[in-house]
Amino acid sequence: MRIIRHVIVCGRVQGVGYRAFVEHEALRRGIEGWVRNRRDGSVEAVVAGDTANVHGMIEACRRGPHSANVGALDQREGTEDEIKLRAPGDVFSVLTTA
């Protein structure tokens, strides 16, 4: 079953390779979606795919790369419209800061 989740990650998650980590993990797991920095210092992502893969992706986001320090991760159900924000032709995109 395909699910979509919208995730906001707070902590030391900018300037530490967090978006590249998320992109790598998503592509490795066959996840569609995008990731971007937010002006408030958090990182936002929308991920879609098989239930088990999305849950694994969220757990990877909780850990982050070695240089990150995830303080909190909030998630909710995402939408198809949110997935469409990725770059045309991409499976997973790193978007500009919002």
Foldseek 3Di string as FASTA:
>chain_A
DKFKKKKKWDFQQPPQCQQVQLVVLCVVLVWAWEKEAEPVNIIIIMIMDDPVSVVVSVVCSCVTDPRTDTPDMDMDGDDPVRSVVADPPDRYHYDYYD
